[in-house]
Amino acid sequence: MSSLPLPQSLLVGIAGYRPSGWLPSARRRTGTAPAPRPFRPPQAGEELGLYGLEATLIPVLSFEFLSLPSFSEKLSHPEGYGGLIFTSPRAAEAVELCLEEDSKTEAWKKSLKERWNAKSVYVVGSATASLVNKIGLHTEGESCGNAEKLAEYICSRESAALPLLFPCGTLKGEILPKMLKDKGILMESITVYQKIPHPGIQVNLNSYYSKQGVPASIAFFSPSGLTYSLKHIQELSGDNIHQIKFAAIGPTTARALAAQGLPVSCTAASPTPHALAAGIRTALQPHSC
């Protein structure tokens, strides 16, 4: 295998961090890889650095929270549900906001938290699990990595007659609800947030390209991040877009890339900074597949 150095410029599109998502860039450095940890955009930059890549983070998404009074009311009645499902950090943050805005913190600590803990609390990914644990709930399923695997996990365990409460975003995937429905598992979803494009996407991308040029790789962390930034990236990259290695944080985002006709050079084995960095570094090696 060739011993050519890794490319000097790397742009990684990261979406999904309150109050905004992120889009980073990188240059070569040296270091070793640490153990996996919950995914957060700044940590992704650190992890890429430890893999010999220097990341610059650029916001690509913002989030607006919705229907919090209705969600707060549902959280006040755990007796009506068989458990909770969290597939994103924003859903967990919505619980925090409900507790803060409705002055439910004391009631949560005294009884509601334990009543929910007597039920199943399912989560996707270590970052979401970390936030759900922070509000005092015990979680299961975090190692599943994506909604489809979590649905399989729930189907293998769930037999409750009461519905599972599923706080989600406006663009929630249909795989998990469909799989649960097919197995006869009741679920009640409530939309608690929506993604909107960050107002500084174009300016920040223009600045990056003017200083760094066309990146060697671009990774995306959600279909929404791709939707809101792809047009700008195409315009700035021009004919050189074909030299870019595209990466995805998981299978859903990889499918979104493919739907846009973009080749996916790597999909992270799990939604962690460690897996992302390892995948990108491998993709950037000469003759990698």
Protein backbone atom coordinates (compact mmCIF):
# COMPACT_ATOMS: atom_id res chain seq x y z
CA MET A 1 0.00 0.00 0.00
CA SER A 2 1.18 3.53 -0.77
CA SER A 3 2.70 5.57 2.04
CA LEU A 4 1.35 8.90 0.74
CA PRO A 5 0.19 11.27 3.53
CA LEU A 6 -3.47 11.77 4.29
CA PRO A 7 -5.13 14.74 2.53
CA GLN A 8 -4.61 18.04 4.31
CA SER A 9 -8.19 19.37 4.17
CA LEU A 10 -11.23 17.55 5.57
CA LEU A 11 -14.77 18.88 5.97
CA VAL A 12 -17.18 16.94 8.16
CA GLY A 13 -20.86 17.89 8.28
CA ILE A 14 -22.26 17.26 11.73
CA ALA A 15 -25.94 17.84 12.39
CA GLY A 16 -27.72 17.42 15.69
CA TYR A 17 -26.57 19.50 18.64
CA ARG A 18 -28.64 22.00 20.58
CA PRO A 19 -28.85 24.89 19.84
CA SER A 20 -27.27 24.08 16.49
CA GLY A 21 -25.75 21.29 14.47
CA TRP A 22 -22.22 21.42 13.15
CA LEU A 23 -20.13 21.12 10.02
CA PRO A 24 -16.31 20.68 10.62
CA SER A 25 -13.00 20.69 8.62
CA ALA A 26 -9.64 19.05 9.21
CA ARG A 27 -5.87 19.02 8.59
CA ARG A 28 -3.35 16.37 9.38
CA ARG A 29 -1.90 15.86 12.85
CA THR A 30 -0.66 12.84 14.78
CA GLY A 31 -1.99 10.87 17.75
CA THR A 32 -3.69 7.68 18.92
CA ALA A 33 -7.35 6.77 19.20
CA PRO A 34 -9.13 6.78 22.60
CA ALA A 35 -12.01 4.58 23.73
CA PRO A 36 -15.55 5.22 22.43
CA ARG A 37 -17.60 7.90 24.22
CA PRO A 38 -20.98 9.65 23.75
CA PHE A 39 -21.14 11.60 20.50
CA ARG A 40 -21.04 15.39 20.70
CA PRO A 41 -19.75 17.66 17.92
CA PRO A 42 -16.78 19.16 19.82
CA GLN A 43 -15.72 15.63 20.77
CA ALA A 44 -15.80 14.66 17.11
CA GLY A 45 -13.23 17.35 16.42
CA GLU A 46 -11.03 16.10 19.24
CA GLU A 47 -11.31 12.50 18.07
CA LEU A 48 -10.42 13.39 14.49
CA GLY A 49 -7.38 15.20 15.86
CA LEU A 50 -6.28 12.08 17.69
CA TYR A 51 -6.54 10.23 14.39
CA GLY A 52 -4.27 12.75 12.67
CA LEU A 53 -6.99 15.10 11.39
CA GLU A 54 -7.73 18.64 12.57
CA ALA A 55 -11.44 19.53 12.52
CA THR A 56 -13.16 22.90 12.13
CA LEU A 57 -16.81 22.86 13.24
CA ILE A 58 -19.48 24.88 11.36
CA PRO A 59 -23.16 25.08 12.47
CA VAL A 60 -25.63 23.58 9.97
CA LEU A 61 -28.80 23.02 12.03
CA SER A 62 -30.84 24.75 14.69
CA PHE A 63 -33.76 23.29 16.61
CA GLU A 64 -37.12 24.61 17.74
CA PHE A 65 -39.06 22.81 20.48
CA LEU A 66 -42.78 22.20 20.01
CA SER A 67 -45.84 21.05 22.00
CA LEU A 68 -44.01 21.17 25.31
CA PRO A 69 -47.16 21.78 27.45
CA SER A 70 -48.82 18.70 25.94
CA PHE A 71 -45.65 16.63 26.39
CA SER A 72 -45.32 17.83 29.98
CA GLU A 73 -48.86 16.68 30.71
CA LYS A 74 -48.08 13.21 29.34
CA LEU A 75 -44.91 13.01 31.44
CA SER A 76 -47.07 13.70 34.49
CA HIS A 77 -49.07 10.50 33.88
CA PRO A 78 -46.68 7.54 33.62
CA GLU A 79 -49.56 5.23 34.59
CA GLY A 80 -50.92 5.67 31.07
CA TYR A 81 -47.84 4.31 29.33
CA GLY A 82 -45.73 1.18 29.16
CA GLY A 83 -42.49 3.13 28.85
CA LEU A 84 -40.55 5.72 26.86
CA ILE A 85 -38.58 5.73 23.61
CA PHE A 86 -35.82 8.27 22.88
CA THR A 87 -34.10 8.23 19.49
CA SER A 88 -32.39 11.63 19.66
CA PRO A 89 -30.74 13.91 22.23
CA ARG A 90 -33.32 16.63 21.43
CA ALA A 91 -36.14 14.46 22.73
CA ALA A 92 -34.29 14.10 26.03
CA GLU A 93 -33.68 17.86 26.11
CA ALA A 94 -37.42 18.38 25.61
CA VAL A 95 -37.99 16.53 28.90
CA GLU A 96 -35.51 18.86 30.62
CA LEU A 97 -37.32 21.89 29.23
CA CYS A 98 -40.68 20.56 30.42
CA LEU A 99 -39.34 20.10 33.92
CA GLU A 100 -37.84 23.59 33.96
CA GLU A 101 -40.71 25.51 32.36
CA ASP A 102 -43.55 23.83 34.25
CA SER A 103 -41.78 23.79 37.64
CA LYS A 104 -42.07 20.03 37.72
CA THR A 105 -38.56 19.44 38.99
CA GLU A 106 -39.65 18.64 42.57
CA ALA A 107 -42.50 16.39 41.45
CA TRP A 108 -40.10 14.63 39.10
CA LYS A 109 -37.58 13.99 41.85
CA LYS A 110 -40.18 12.91 44.41
CA SER A 111 -42.25 10.46 42.38
CA LEU A 112 -42.47 10.83 38.60
CA LYS A 113 -38.90 9.77 37.94
CA GLU A 114 -39.23 6.53 39.90
CA ARG A 115 -42.61 5.77 38.37
CA TRP A 116 -41.06 6.05 34.90
CA ASN A 117 -38.07 4.00 36.02
CA ALA A 118 -40.46 1.17 36.90
CA LYS A 119 -41.09 0.96 33.16
CA SER A 120 -38.83 0.43 30.14
CA VAL A 121 -36.92 3.44 28.83
CA TYR A 122 -35.44 2.68 25.40
CA VAL A 123 -32.76 4.82 23.74
CA VAL A 124 -30.63 4.91 20.60
CA GLY A 125 -26.94 5.70 21.00
CA SER A 126 -24.68 6.65 23.88
CA ALA A 127 -25.18 10.42 23.46
CA THR A 128 -28.95 10.11 23.90
CA ALA A 129 -28.49 7.64 26.76
CA SER A 130 -26.19 10.08 28.53
CA LEU A 131 -28.80 12.86 28.44
CA VAL A 132 -31.63 10.55 29.50
CA ASN A 133 -29.49 9.28 32.40
CA LYS A 134 -28.85 12.90 33.35
CA ILE A 135 -32.55 13.43 34.07
CA GLY A 136 -32.51 10.35 36.30
CA LEU A 137 -33.91 7.64 34.03
CA HIS A 138 -32.38 4.20 33.62
CA THR A 139 -32.01 3.24 29.97
CA GLU A 140 -31.67 0.17 27.81
CA GLY A 141 -30.95 -0.42 24.14
CA GLU A 142 -28.29 2.29 23.70
CA SER A 143 -25.87 -0.15 22.08
CA CYS A 144 -28.35 -0.77 19.24
CA GLY A 145 -26.91 2.21 17.34
CA ASN A 146 -29.91 3.06 15.13
CA ALA A 147 -33.71 3.09 15.20
CA GLU A 148 -34.11 -0.12 13.21
CA LYS A 149 -31.94 -2.13 15.60
CA LEU A 150 -33.67 -0.54 18.58
CA ALA A 151 -37.04 -1.57 17.13
CA GLU A 152 -35.80 -5.15 16.87
CA TYR A 153 -34.63 -4.96 20.49
CA ILE A 154 -38.00 -3.60 21.68
CA CYS A 155 -39.89 -6.25 19.73
CA SER A 156 -37.82 -8.97 21.39
CA ARG A 157 -38.69 -7.71 24.88
CA GLU A 158 -41.91 -5.71 24.90
CA SER A 159 -45.25 -7.24 25.84
CA ALA A 160 -46.87 -4.36 27.75
CA ALA A 161 -50.53 -3.62 27.01
CA LEU A 162 -49.98 0.12 27.42
CA PRO A 163 -48.48 2.25 24.63
CA LEU A 164 -44.87 3.40 24.63
CA LEU A 165 -44.52 7.21 24.64
CA PHE A 166 -42.27 8.36 21.79
CA PRO A 167 -41.19 12.05 21.78
CA CYS A 168 -39.75 12.78 18.35
CA GLY A 169 -39.01 15.38 15.68
CA THR A 170 -41.11 16.41 12.69
CA LEU A 171 -38.85 14.38 10.40
CA LYS A 172 -38.87 11.15 12.38
CA GLY A 173 -38.17 8.00 10.40
CA GLU A 174 -40.95 5.51 9.82
CA ILE A 175 -38.93 2.33 10.34
CA LEU A 176 -39.32 2.11 14.13
CA PRO A 177 -43.08 2.93 14.24
CA LYS A 178 -43.80 0.48 11.42
CA MET A 179 -41.81 -2.36 12.98
CA LEU A 180 -43.55 -1.91 16.33
CA LYS A 181 -46.97 -1.70 14.68
CA ASP A 182 -46.29 -4.87 12.70
CA LYS A 183 -45.53 -6.67 15.96
CA GLY A 184 -48.65 -5.34 17.65
CA ILE A 185 -46.73 -3.09 20.05
CA LEU A 186 -48.64 0.08 20.86
CA MET A 187 -46.86 3.41 20.55
CA GLU A 188 -47.96 7.02 20.97
CA SER A 189 -45.73 9.59 19.29
CA ILE A 190 -45.64 13.30 20.06
CA THR A 191 -43.66 15.83 18.02
CA VAL A 192 -41.52 17.88 20.41
CA TYR A 193 -38.97 19.52 18.09
CA GLN A 194 -38.24 20.48 14.51
CA LYS A 195 -35.01 21.04 12.67
CA ILE A 196 -34.38 24.31 10.82
CA PRO A 197 -31.34 25.41 8.80
CA HIS A 198 -28.76 27.43 10.67
CA PRO A 199 -28.74 31.01 9.28
CA GLY A 200 -24.96 31.03 8.91
CA ILE A 201 -24.51 27.92 6.73
CA GLN A 202 -23.69 29.71 3.47
CA VAL A 203 -21.41 32.33 5.00
CA ASN A 204 -19.48 29.77 7.02
CA LEU A 205 -19.08 27.38 4.09
CA ASN A 206 -17.92 30.22 1.85
CA SER A 207 -15.33 31.15 4.46
CA TYR A 208 -14.12 27.56 4.75
CA TYR A 209 -13.77 27.04 1.01
CA SER A 210 -12.01 30.37 0.50
CA LYS A 211 -9.38 29.41 3.08
CA GLN A 212 -9.11 25.64 2.70
CA GLY A 213 -10.33 24.88 -0.81
CA VAL A 214 -12.26 21.73 -1.73
CA PRO A 215 -12.23 19.26 1.20
CA ALA A 216 -10.95 15.71 0.89
CA SER A 217 -13.95 14.33 2.77
CA ILE A 218 -17.38 15.42 3.96
CA ALA A 219 -19.38 13.49 6.57
CA PHE A 220 -23.00 14.03 7.48
CA PHE A 221 -24.81 13.22 10.70
CA SER A 222 -28.42 13.44 9.57
CA PRO A 223 -30.45 13.63 6.37
CA SER A 224 -31.48 17.15 7.43
CA GLY A 225 -27.88 18.31 7.64
CA LEU A 226 -27.41 17.01 4.10
CA THR A 227 -30.57 18.70 2.85
CA TYR A 228 -29.68 22.11 4.23
CA SER A 229 -26.03 22.20 3.14
CA LEU A 230 -25.68 20.11 -0.02
CA LYS A 231 -26.67 22.85 -2.48
CA HIS A 232 -24.00 25.19 -1.09
CA ILE A 233 -21.39 22.42 -1.11
CA GLN A 234 -22.19 21.54 -4.73
CA GLU A 235 -21.90 25.17 -5.81
CA LEU A 236 -18.61 25.70 -3.99
CA SER A 237 -17.06 22.40 -5.06
CA GLY A 238 -18.07 22.54 -8.74
CA ASP A 239 -16.60 19.75 -10.85
CA ASN A 240 -14.23 18.85 -7.99
CA ILE A 241 -17.10 17.40 -5.97
CA HIS A 242 -16.28 13.98 -7.46
CA GLN A 243 -12.94 13.92 -5.62
CA ILE A 244 -14.63 14.23 -2.22
CA LYS A 245 -15.02 11.17 0.02
CA PHE A 246 -18.53 11.25 1.54
CA ALA A 247 -19.16 9.67 4.94
CA ALA A 248 -22.28 9.07 7.06
CA ILE A 249 -22.85 8.60 10.80
CA GLY A 250 -25.30 5.75 10.20
CA PRO A 251 -27.40 3.83 7.66
CA THR A 252 -30.27 6.35 7.48
CA THR A 253 -27.91 9.18 6.54
CA ALA A 254 -26.03 6.88 4.17
CA ARG A 255 -29.30 6.15 2.35
CA ALA A 256 -30.00 9.89 2.10
CA LEU A 257 -26.57 10.45 0.53
CA ALA A 258 -27.14 7.64 -1.94
CA ALA A 259 -30.56 9.09 -2.83
CA GLN A 260 -28.77 12.28 -3.86
CA GLY A 261 -26.49 10.28 -6.14
CA LEU A 262 -23.47 10.70 -3.86
CA PRO A 263 -21.16 7.72 -3.31
CA VAL A 264 -20.76 6.80 0.38
CA SER A 265 -17.10 6.09 1.12
CA CYS A 266 -17.74 5.13 4.74
CA THR A 267 -20.53 4.68 7.26
CA ALA A 268 -19.53 4.81 10.94
CA ALA A 269 -19.81 1.38 12.58
CA SER A 270 -21.54 3.07 15.55
CA PRO A 271 -22.69 6.67 16.26
CA THR A 272 -19.57 7.65 18.24
CA PRO A 273 -16.61 10.00 17.62
CA HIS A 274 -14.29 6.97 17.72
CA ALA A 275 -16.15 5.09 14.98
CA LEU A 276 -16.50 8.20 12.83
CA ALA A 277 -12.81 9.05 13.04
CA ALA A 278 -11.76 5.46 12.33
CA GLY A 279 -14.04 5.27 9.31
CA ILE A 280 -12.93 8.59 7.84
CA ARG A 281 -9.25 7.83 8.34
CA THR A 282 -9.68 4.48 6.58
CA ALA A 283 -11.61 6.09 3.73
CA LEU A 284 -8.83 8.63 3.23
CA GLN A 285 -6.09 6.04 3.01
CA PRO A 286 -4.85 5.45 -0.55
CA HIS A 287 -6.58 2.50 -2.25
CA SER A 288 -9.11 2.15 0.60
CA CYS A 289 -12.53 0.67 -0.19
